[in-house]
Protein backbone atom coordinates (compact mmCIF):
# COMPACT_ATOMS: atom_id res chain seq x y z
CA MET A 1 40.71 -2.32 9.25
CA GLU A 2 40.11 -5.32 7.05
CA ALA A 3 43.37 -6.99 5.41
CA MET A 4 43.68 -5.81 1.82
CA ARG A 5 45.76 -6.90 -0.82
CA GLU A 6 47.72 -4.24 -2.89
CA GLY A 7 48.38 -4.92 -6.55
CA SER A 8 48.50 -3.14 -10.03
CA THR A 9 44.83 -3.25 -10.11
CA GLY A 10 43.98 -1.33 -7.14
CA SER A 11 43.43 -2.48 -3.28
CA VAL A 12 41.06 -5.39 -3.57
CA PRO A 13 39.70 -7.18 -0.29
CA VAL A 14 41.88 -10.39 0.42
CA GLY A 15 39.87 -13.49 -0.99
CA LEU A 16 37.92 -11.56 -3.80
CA THR A 17 40.34 -11.85 -6.35
CA GLY A 18 40.38 -14.28 -9.13
CA ALA A 19 42.92 -15.30 -11.90
CA GLY A 20 40.82 -14.58 -14.57
CA PRO A 21 40.38 -10.88 -15.77
CA ALA A 22 36.60 -10.93 -16.49
CA VAL A 23 33.36 -10.79 -14.54
CA ARG A 24 32.10 -14.25 -15.88
CA HIS A 25 28.27 -13.26 -15.40
CA ALA A 26 28.68 -9.77 -16.86
CA THR A 27 30.88 -10.79 -19.95
CA GLY A 28 30.36 -14.01 -20.71
CA GLY A 29 34.03 -14.64 -21.09
CA ALA A 30 35.91 -17.66 -20.09
CA GLY A 31 38.58 -17.72 -17.12
CA SER A 32 39.40 -19.21 -13.96
CA GLN A 33 36.56 -20.75 -11.94
CA PRO A 34 34.46 -17.63 -10.56
CA ARG A 35 34.68 -16.81 -7.06
CA VAL A 36 31.72 -17.70 -4.72
CA VAL A 37 30.85 -14.98 -2.34
CA ALA A 38 28.10 -15.83 0.49
CA VAL A 39 25.55 -12.75 -0.31
CA GLY A 40 25.16 -11.25 3.06
CA GLY A 41 28.02 -12.73 4.51
CA GLU A 42 31.45 -10.52 5.70
CA ASP A 43 33.05 -11.00 2.51
CA PHE A 44 30.33 -9.75 0.44
CA ASP A 45 29.90 -6.44 2.71
CA ARG A 46 33.63 -6.15 2.17
CA LEU A 47 33.28 -6.37 -1.25
CA CYS A 48 30.28 -3.82 -1.44
CA ARG A 49 32.07 -1.27 0.46
CA TRP A 50 35.15 -1.64 -1.54
CA ILE A 51 33.62 -1.32 -4.89
CA LEU A 52 30.82 1.62 -4.08
CA PRO A 53 33.41 4.43 -4.01
CA ARG A 54 35.24 3.15 -6.96
CA VAL A 55 32.03 2.89 -9.09
CA GLU A 56 30.99 6.33 -8.06
CA SER A 57 34.68 7.75 -8.99
CA VAL A 58 33.83 6.56 -12.81
CA LEU A 59 30.49 7.67 -12.74
CA ASN A 60 32.27 11.11 -12.04
CA GLY A 61 29.20 12.91 -9.86
CA MET A 62 26.25 11.92 -12.25
CA VAL A 63 23.38 11.68 -10.63
CA LEU A 64 21.73 8.44 -11.75
CA MET A 65 17.58 7.83 -12.35
CA LYS A 66 15.63 4.41 -12.29
CA SER A 67 15.58 4.68 -16.17
CA PRO A 68 16.55 1.33 -18.20
CA GLU A 69 19.13 3.63 -19.83
CA HIS A 70 20.92 4.44 -16.58
CA LEU A 71 20.80 0.99 -14.70
CA GLN A 72 22.57 -0.03 -17.75
CA LEU A 73 25.19 2.28 -17.39
CA LEU A 74 25.68 1.53 -14.06
CA ALA A 75 25.95 -2.14 -14.87
CA ASP A 76 28.73 -1.36 -17.62
CA LYS A 77 30.61 0.89 -15.11
CA THR A 78 30.79 -2.03 -12.63
CA VAL A 79 31.68 -4.38 -15.14
CA ALA A 80 34.53 -2.13 -16.01
CA VAL A 81 35.48 -1.58 -12.31
CA CYS A 82 35.51 -5.44 -11.95
CA ARG A 83 37.53 -6.10 -14.83
CA GLN A 84 40.03 -3.67 -13.98
CA ALA A 85 40.58 -5.30 -10.54
CA GLY A 86 40.77 -8.58 -11.73
CA LEU A 87 37.43 -9.67 -10.24
CA ASN A 88 35.70 -12.95 -11.19
CA LEU A 89 32.29 -13.50 -9.43
CA ASP A 90 29.88 -15.93 -10.25
CA SER A 91 26.35 -15.01 -11.52
CA ASP A 92 24.69 -14.74 -7.90
CA THR A 93 27.21 -12.54 -6.36
CA TRP A 94 27.10 -10.57 -9.35
CA ALA A 95 23.25 -10.06 -9.11
CA ALA A 96 23.52 -9.35 -5.43
CA LEU A 97 26.40 -6.97 -5.91
CA LEU A 98 24.71 -4.91 -8.80
CA GLN A 99 21.13 -4.82 -6.70
CA HIS A 100 23.10 -3.20 -3.87
CA LEU A 101 24.61 -0.59 -6.14
CA GLN A 102 21.70 0.20 -7.58
CA ALA A 103 19.87 0.63 -4.04
CA GLU A 104 23.02 2.78 -3.51
CA LEU A 105 23.29 4.88 -6.26
CA VAL A 106 19.88 4.63 -7.92
CA GLY A 107 17.68 4.19 -4.99
CA TYR A 108 17.74 4.88 -1.44
CA GLY A 109 20.09 2.38 0.35
CA PRO A 110 19.04 -0.25 2.76
CA ILE A 111 15.53 1.07 2.84
CA ASP A 112 15.05 0.83 -1.03
CA PRO A 113 13.35 -2.96 -0.48
CA LEU A 114 11.05 -1.19 1.98
CA LEU A 115 9.66 1.38 -0.12
CA GLU A 116 9.43 -0.80 -3.04
CA ASP A 117 6.94 -3.10 -0.67
CA ASP A 118 3.42 -1.97 -1.51
CA THR A 119 2.13 -3.27 1.96
CA ILE A 120 4.34 -1.29 4.29
CA THR A 121 2.89 2.30 4.81
CA GLU A 122 5.56 4.01 6.88
CA VAL A 123 9.13 3.70 7.20
CA MET A 124 11.11 5.28 10.32
CA VAL A 125 14.90 5.32 10.69
CA ASN A 126 16.16 5.82 14.05
CA GLY A 127 19.91 6.13 13.62
CA PRO A 128 22.00 3.43 11.40
CA ASN A 129 20.99 0.27 13.68
CA GLU A 130 17.31 0.91 13.93
CA VAL A 131 14.73 1.14 11.11
CA TYR A 132 10.96 0.55 12.04
CA ILE A 133 8.03 -0.09 9.55
CA GLU A 134 4.15 0.31 9.54
CA ARG A 135 2.22 -2.59 7.97
CA GLY A 136 -1.43 -2.60 8.66
CA GLY A 137 -1.64 0.05 11.14
CA LYS A 138 1.28 -1.92 13.39
CA ILE A 139 4.64 -0.79 13.77
CA THR A 140 7.35 -3.50 13.65
CA ARG A 141 11.22 -3.44 13.45
CA ALA A 142 12.60 -4.22 10.07
CA ASP A 143 15.56 -6.45 9.41
CA VAL A 144 17.70 -3.75 7.72
CA ARG A 145 20.49 -1.41 9.14
CA PHE A 146 22.85 1.22 7.74
CA ARG A 147 26.59 1.15 7.85
CA ASP A 148 26.81 4.33 9.91
CA ASP A 149 25.68 7.94 10.70
CA ASP A 150 27.45 9.01 7.35
CA HIS A 151 25.24 6.09 5.35
CA VAL A 152 22.07 7.70 6.56
CA ILE A 153 22.76 11.15 5.78
CA ARG A 154 23.93 10.05 2.26
CA VAL A 155 20.56 8.85 1.74
CA ILE A 156 18.98 11.82 2.95
CA GLN A 157 21.25 13.88 0.63
CA ARG A 158 19.86 11.55 -2.33
CA ILE A 159 16.46 12.30 -1.16
CA VAL A 160 16.49 16.39 -1.01
CA GLN A 161 19.28 17.15 -3.64
CA PRO A 162 16.88 16.82 -6.65
CA LEU A 163 14.23 19.17 -4.99
CA GLY A 164 16.74 21.99 -4.38
CA ARG A 165 16.71 21.73 -0.59
CA ARG A 166 19.57 21.30 1.90
CA ILE A 167 20.52 19.61 4.87
CA ASP A 168 23.50 20.19 7.09
CA ARG A 169 24.42 21.12 10.66
CA THR A 170 23.30 24.77 10.29
CA HIS A 171 20.07 23.45 8.59
CA PRO A 172 19.43 20.14 10.39
CA MET A 173 16.02 19.79 9.55
CA VAL A 174 14.22 19.14 6.01
CA ASP A 175 10.76 18.26 4.50
CA ALA A 176 10.74 16.79 1.19
CA ARG A 177 9.06 14.28 -0.97
CA LEU A 178 10.02 11.26 -3.40
CA PRO A 179 9.21 11.19 -6.66
CA ASP A 180 6.09 9.16 -6.12
CA GLY A 181 4.74 11.69 -3.78
CA SER A 182 5.88 10.08 -0.70
CA ARG A 183 6.27 12.47 2.51
CA VAL A 184 9.80 12.72 3.89
CA ASN A 185 10.96 14.32 7.08
CA ALA A 186 15.11 14.14 7.92
CA ILE A 187 16.49 15.59 11.09
CA ILE A 188 20.48 15.23 11.83
CA PRO A 189 22.62 16.02 14.80
CA PRO A 190 23.11 18.21 16.48
CA CYS A 191 19.32 17.99 16.90
CA ALA A 192 18.86 14.38 16.59
CA ILE A 193 20.87 13.01 19.54
CA ASP A 194 20.68 9.32 18.57
CA GLY A 195 21.95 9.84 14.91
CA PRO A 196 20.15 10.82 11.77
CA SER A 197 16.31 10.21 11.47
CA ILE A 198 14.44 9.69 8.24
CA THR A 199 10.35 9.39 8.44
CA ILE A 200 8.76 8.40 5.08
CA ARG A 201 5.02 8.31 4.64
CA LYS A 202 4.62 6.36 1.73
CA PHE A 203 1.89 6.88 -0.95
CA GLY A 204 0.54 3.49 -2.92
CA LYS A 205 1.37 3.34 -6.18
CA LYS A 206 -2.48 3.20 -7.01
CA LYS A 207 -4.72 6.11 -6.57
CA PHE A 208 -7.36 5.70 -3.92
CA THR A 209 -11.00 5.94 -5.16
CA ALA A 210 -13.96 6.25 -3.12
CA GLU A 211 -14.93 2.68 -3.65
CA ASP A 212 -11.38 1.42 -2.24
CA LEU A 213 -12.50 3.56 1.10
CA VAL A 214 -15.70 2.03 1.36
CA ARG A 215 -13.98 -1.28 0.98
CA LEU A 216 -11.41 -0.63 3.49
CA GLN A 217 -14.43 0.77 6.01
CA SER A 218 -13.15 4.05 6.17
CA LEU A 219 -16.52 5.16 4.48
CA THR A 220 -20.12 4.09 4.08
CA PRO A 221 -21.80 4.09 0.44
CA GLU A 222 -24.19 6.66 1.85
CA MET A 223 -21.59 8.81 3.23
CA VAL A 224 -19.92 8.50 -0.16
CA GLU A 225 -22.88 9.90 -1.92
CA PHE A 226 -23.25 12.63 0.67
CA LEU A 227 -19.95 13.87 0.19
CA LYS A 228 -19.88 13.51 -3.64
CA ALA A 229 -22.86 15.80 -3.80
CA CYS A 230 -21.40 18.39 -1.11
CA VAL A 231 -18.22 18.66 -3.41
CA ASP A 232 -20.19 18.91 -6.79
CA ALA A 233 -22.51 21.73 -4.87
CA ARG A 234 -19.34 23.55 -4.31
CA LEU A 235 -19.46 23.54 -0.44
CA ASN A 236 -16.12 24.59 1.62
CA ILE A 237 -15.06 21.31 3.23
CA VAL A 238 -12.28 20.73 5.79
CA VAL A 239 -10.89 17.71 6.55
CA SER A 240 -9.81 17.25 10.07
CA GLY A 241 -7.43 14.40 11.81
CA GLY A 242 -4.67 13.48 13.68
CA THR A 243 -1.07 12.67 12.38
CA GLY A 244 -1.25 9.46 9.97
CA SER A 245 -4.92 9.29 10.32
CA GLY A 246 -5.25 9.45 6.17
CA LYS A 247 -6.38 12.91 5.70
CA THR A 248 -4.19 13.50 2.65
CA THR A 249 -5.86 10.24 1.12
CA LEU A 250 -9.18 11.39 2.10
CA LEU A 251 -8.63 14.84 0.40
CA ASN A 252 -7.31 13.16 -2.65
CA VAL A 253 -10.60 11.26 -3.00
CA LEU A 254 -12.68 14.23 -2.01
CA SER A 255 -10.96 16.03 -5.06
CA SER A 256 -11.83 13.31 -7.46
CA PHE A 257 -15.50 14.26 -7.28
CA ILE A 258 -14.55 17.89 -8.66
CA PRO A 259 -15.88 18.14 -12.25
CA ASN A 260 -13.03 17.79 -14.92
CA ASP A 261 -14.02 21.07 -16.46
CA GLU A 262 -13.25 23.22 -13.62
CA ARG A 263 -9.87 24.91 -12.85
CA ILE A 264 -8.06 23.66 -9.83
CA VAL A 265 -5.14 25.10 -7.86
CA THR A 266 -3.33 22.85 -5.25
CA ILE A 267 -1.11 24.54 -2.40
CA GLU A 268 1.03 22.44 -0.30
CA ASP A 269 4.20 22.11 1.38
CA SER A 270 5.31 19.37 -0.07
CA ALA A 271 3.47 18.23 -3.41
CA GLU A 272 1.54 15.17 -2.21
CA LEU A 273 -1.86 15.70 -4.06
CA ARG A 274 -2.53 13.03 -6.98
CA LEU A 275 -5.72 14.66 -8.42
CA HIS A 276 -7.65 12.83 -10.99
CA GLN A 277 -8.24 15.88 -13.07
CA THR A 278 -6.48 17.20 -15.77
CA HIS A 279 -6.97 21.03 -15.49
CA VAL A 280 -4.55 20.92 -12.42
CA VAL A 281 -2.07 23.72 -11.53
CA ARG A 282 -0.10 22.60 -8.62
CA LEU A 283 1.82 24.96 -6.26
CA GLU A 284 4.70 24.18 -3.83
CA ALA A 285 6.31 26.12 -1.24
CA VAL A 286 9.95 26.99 -1.17
CA PRO A 287 12.06 27.17 2.20
CA GLY A 288 14.46 29.75 1.19
CA GLU A 289 18.08 30.32 1.07
CA GLU A 290 20.47 30.60 4.02
CA ASP A 291 20.03 34.24 4.35
CA GLY A 292 16.12 33.95 4.39
CA THR A 293 15.99 35.08 0.77
CA GLY A 294 13.57 33.26 -1.79
CA ARG A 295 11.41 31.88 0.86
CA VAL A 296 7.80 31.23 -0.44
CA THR A 297 5.59 30.59 2.01
CA ILE A 298 1.75 28.73 1.98
CA ARG A 299 0.28 32.11 2.79
CA ASP A 300 2.14 33.73 -0.33
CA LEU A 301 0.97 30.87 -2.61
CA VAL A 302 -2.78 30.96 -1.34
CA ARG A 303 -2.74 35.09 -2.18
CA ASN A 304 -1.32 34.34 -5.57
CA ALA A 305 -3.39 31.39 -6.41
CA LEU A 306 -6.48 34.14 -6.08
CA ARG A 307 -5.17 35.69 -9.08
CA MET A 308 -5.09 32.70 -11.20
CA ARG A 309 -8.65 32.46 -11.99
CA PRO A 310 -9.24 29.24 -9.96
CA ASP A 311 -12.55 27.49 -9.87
CA ARG A 312 -11.29 25.52 -6.82
CA ILE A 313 -8.58 26.03 -4.51
CA VAL A 314 -7.05 22.97 -2.59
CA VAL A 315 -5.01 23.76 0.19
CA GLY A 316 -2.86 20.62 1.26
CA GLU A 317 -2.85 21.54 5.20
CA CYS A 318 -3.32 25.02 6.93
CA ARG A 319 -1.02 25.25 9.85
CA GLY A 320 -0.50 29.11 9.82
CA GLY A 321 -1.68 32.26 8.79
CA GLU A 322 -2.51 31.25 5.68
CA ALA A 323 -5.98 30.06 7.23
CA LEU A 324 -7.18 33.85 7.29
CA ASP A 325 -6.25 34.21 3.51
CA MET A 326 -8.02 30.66 3.04
CA LEU A 327 -11.24 31.92 5.02
CA GLN A 328 -11.35 35.07 3.06
CA ALA A 329 -10.95 33.36 -0.24
CA MET A 330 -13.80 30.93 0.90
CA ASN A 331 -16.13 34.26 1.92
CA THR A 332 -15.45 36.10 -1.22
CA GLY A 333 -16.61 33.84 -3.96
CA HIS A 334 -14.11 30.72 -4.27
CA ASP A 335 -16.81 28.42 -2.99
CA GLY A 336 -15.98 24.31 -3.21
CA SER A 337 -12.39 24.96 -1.66
CA LEU A 338 -11.05 22.16 0.34
CA THR A 339 -8.23 21.87 2.89
CA THR A 340 -7.00 19.98 5.81
CA ILE A 341 -5.98 20.77 9.48
CA HIS A 342 -4.69 18.75 12.50
CA ALA A 343 -7.20 18.38 15.26
CA ASN A 344 -9.00 15.85 17.26
CA SER A 345 -12.45 16.69 16.90
CA PRO A 346 -14.77 18.99 14.64
CA ARG A 347 -14.82 21.37 17.60
CA ASP A 348 -11.34 21.20 18.10
CA ALA A 349 -10.76 22.25 14.42
CA VAL A 350 -12.78 25.37 14.53
CA ALA A 351 -10.60 26.25 17.92
CA ARG A 352 -7.41 25.71 15.66
CA LEU A 353 -8.74 27.77 12.89
CA GLU A 354 -9.20 30.50 15.25
CA THR A 355 -5.67 30.10 16.49
CA LEU A 356 -4.08 30.00 12.90
CA VAL A 357 -6.17 33.01 12.16
CA LEU A 358 -4.46 34.74 14.92
CA MET A 359 -1.09 33.66 13.99
CA ALA A 360 -1.70 35.90 10.76
CA GLY A 361 -0.60 38.66 12.80
CA MET A 362 -4.02 40.43 12.50
CA ASP A 363 -5.41 41.80 15.67
CA LEU A 364 -9.13 40.50 15.26
CA PRO A 365 -11.50 39.88 17.86
CA VAL A 366 -12.32 36.31 18.46
CA ARG A 367 -16.32 36.81 17.83
CA ALA A 368 -15.10 38.31 14.18
CA ILE A 369 -12.88 35.28 13.84
CA ARG A 370 -15.54 32.74 14.45
CA GLN A 371 -18.11 34.68 12.32
CA GLN A 372 -15.60 34.41 9.40
CA ILE A 373 -15.30 30.66 10.21
CA ALA A 374 -19.12 30.10 10.39
CA SER A 375 -19.80 31.96 7.32
CA ALA A 376 -16.96 30.12 5.23
CA VAL A 377 -17.02 26.55 6.31
CA ASP A 378 -19.81 24.49 5.50
CA LEU A 379 -18.62 20.79 6.31
CA ILE A 380 -15.84 19.24 8.86
CA VAL A 381 -15.18 15.50 7.92
CA GLN A 382 -13.19 14.17 11.02
CA GLN A 383 -10.55 11.56 10.17
CA ALA A 384 -9.19 9.06 12.86
CA ARG A 385 -6.51 5.97 13.39
CA LEU A 386 -8.51 3.76 15.62
CA ARG A 387 -6.42 1.53 18.18
CA ASP A 388 -6.32 -1.42 15.73
CA GLY A 389 -4.71 0.56 13.03
CA SER A 390 -7.58 1.39 10.79
CA ARG A 391 -8.61 4.65 9.41
CA LYS A 392 -12.23 5.95 9.58
CA VAL A 393 -14.34 8.90 8.99
CA VAL A 394 -15.57 9.16 12.61
CA GLN A 395 -17.66 12.48 12.12
CA VAL A 396 -19.31 14.28 9.42
CA THR A 397 -20.10 17.75 10.68
CA GLU A 398 -22.38 20.70 9.36
CA VAL A 399 -21.14 24.20 10.57
CA GLN A 400 -24.77 25.88 10.80
CA GLY A 401 -23.52 29.31 11.82
CA MET A 402 -23.36 31.53 15.10
CA GLU A 403 -25.33 31.63 18.01
CA GLY A 404 -24.24 34.34 20.31
CA ASP A 405 -20.31 34.21 20.54
CA THR A 406 -20.60 30.03 19.77
CA VAL A 407 -20.54 28.18 16.48
CA ILE A 408 -23.03 25.98 15.87
CA MET A 409 -22.52 22.64 14.75
CA GLN A 410 -24.71 19.64 14.05
CA ASP A 411 -23.15 16.12 13.41
CA VAL A 412 -24.47 14.33 10.09
CA PHE A 413 -22.70 11.03 10.59
CA VAL A 414 -21.26 9.53 13.35
CA PHE A 415 -18.98 6.83 14.31
CA HIS A 416 -19.40 5.21 17.63
CA GLU A 417 -16.71 2.67 18.95
CA LEU A 418 -17.78 0.02 21.18
CA GLY A 419 -14.85 -2.10 21.83
CA ILE A 420 -12.22 -4.62 20.56
CA GLY A 421 -12.94 -7.98 19.05
CA GLU A 422 -11.15 -11.22 19.75
CA ASP A 423 -9.41 -10.32 16.50
CA GLY A 424 -7.97 -7.21 17.74
CA LYS A 425 -10.33 -4.99 15.38
CA VAL A 426 -12.49 -2.41 16.79
CA ILE A 427 -15.89 -2.85 17.03
CA GLY A 428 -18.45 -0.09 16.52
CA VAL A 429 -21.16 1.55 14.52
CA MET A 430 -21.34 4.14 12.08
CA LYS A 431 -24.81 5.73 11.37
CA GLY A 432 -26.48 8.62 10.55
CA THR A 433 -28.19 11.07 12.85
CA GLY A 434 -31.33 11.13 10.57
CA ILE A 435 -30.81 14.82 10.68
CA ARG A 436 -30.83 16.92 7.24
CA PRO A 437 -28.35 19.60 6.97
CA LYS A 438 -29.28 23.06 6.67
CA PHE A 439 -27.60 23.37 3.16
CA THR A 440 -29.81 20.72 1.68
CA SER A 441 -31.16 23.25 -0.42
CA LYS A 442 -27.97 23.95 -2.01
CA LEU A 443 -27.34 20.22 -2.81
CA GLU A 444 -30.88 20.27 -4.36
CA ALA A 445 -29.92 23.49 -6.47
CA ALA A 446 -26.92 21.44 -7.78
CA GLY A 447 -29.22 18.46 -8.57
CA HIS A 448 -28.68 15.91 -5.76
CA LYS A 449 -32.06 15.23 -4.15
CA LEU A 450 -30.80 12.57 -1.16
CA GLY A 451 -33.51 10.53 -0.02
CA ALA A 452 -33.87 10.23 3.91
CA GLU A 453 -32.27 6.97 3.95
CA ILE A 454 -29.01 8.45 3.17
CA PHE A 455 -29.03 10.02 6.82
CA GLN A 456 -30.64 7.15 8.78
CA ALA A 457 -28.07 4.32 7.30
CA GLU A 458 -26.46 2.16 9.97
CA TYR A 459 -23.48 -0.21 9.72
CA ARG A 460 -21.67 -2.13 11.97
CA TYR A 461 -17.95 -3.18 11.69
CA GLY A 462 -16.02 -5.83 13.77
CA VAL A 463 -18.67 -8.07 14.54
CA GLN A 464 -21.55 -10.09 12.77
CA PRO A 465 -24.64 -8.22 13.47
CA GLU A 466 -27.60 -9.44 15.04
CA PRO A 467 -30.52 -10.41 12.95
CA MET A 468 -32.59 -7.44 12.39
CA ALA A 469 -35.52 -5.94 9.80
CA GLY A 470 -33.74 -4.65 6.54
CA PRO A 471 -30.85 -5.51 4.40
CA LYS A 472 -28.84 -8.21 6.08
CA SER A 473 -24.84 -8.55 6.43
CA ASN A 474 -22.66 -8.96 3.63
CA GLY A 475 -20.88 -11.59 5.21
CA ASN A 476 -17.58 -10.07 5.83
CA GLY A 477 -18.30 -9.03 9.55
CA ASN A 478 -20.05 -5.77 8.34
CA GLY A 479 -23.72 -5.34 8.58
CA ARG A 480 -26.09 -2.54 7.35
CA HIS A 481 -29.23 -1.94 9.04
């Protein structure tokens, strides 16, 4: 235990008291020479641990938000605590102390700076002493840590409580979201053996557009034009991919192609979609109470959405029996629906849809399920995270129908991975197959007459292209042929 000095002002860490009664930086008052505490040193850590519960006490359980009024209130309360304790701190120590308290009481503790860093896409806490980040598709260890398990759980509670969700030993797992839409998963002991774990998949402050995905080499301009026509023509589209492949980002971009005069209903486990339109109704599943009451599933919301006069239904992810209701909606007049699914290829996506339909508890023949899928789904867009951390659409595949007991599919665009360059970047070719989809007549009926060049364009990524007839490289290592 650290040495403490008892006095009328309360227990103050030894060496941190000053003769003056004021906090010099906060009050501007005169007094003795302010105490200089090395920020990041042992004295500063002791000061932070000492003052945090006292500031919490004077706040009397008030939940602070990141607003100017609440930040000023926190500063005022901290000044009051320091005055009462006779602390006299220099400007740098005061600024660092206030920043620490803001992170603990307004933000998310030690990981707050990581969440504010726009270059970081994922934050992973493996117990109090190990924090990892993903930046540019690469995972590295961050130079931050929590004090102990209770400190991690405190941050988890701060995330889930505003959402009305709970986490404790009887409910050791929870899915949640941050105010900006970033996805959060937390799990604590006894399920997490090495201490509480937090996984946060961040959403950037800026909404991605189709142009952004072209710039990031996830899509080609021809693919954007094709997908935009498909969405406008009210085709049913499934975005398929693995964990962290960028499915939600792509779904957001596809949703941006929906006309502004249409009513959109979004359904998600945790609200992550950020649509550009104004006429949007957002629905979110509810996990329910300890006794099981009050639970509202994705399937419940899909059924309810059918009564809400939607022009479009956008389901964040199909992962259970709601797949059957989604397919039935697509087959009964709710065209233009969008959803995502976890699968490694378009063929796997069809197989997974079959499995999810069976999870609905309906004893349907496999052939009947496949007929539902072949009739409902028009297009599968396969997203993948490559070995260099980049995310690309690697297949755009049309679902053409049934032949016997088999769902017939035809690729429209395909990415061929050729290897790894000297800079560690994936070398590959994105090209159209040259085959027009069978639903071309639907596109033309919606006013989209796509030329043959759309389905024949070829782009090379990762290497400078060899000279060929046609448009030349754009100079950044990508070429169109």
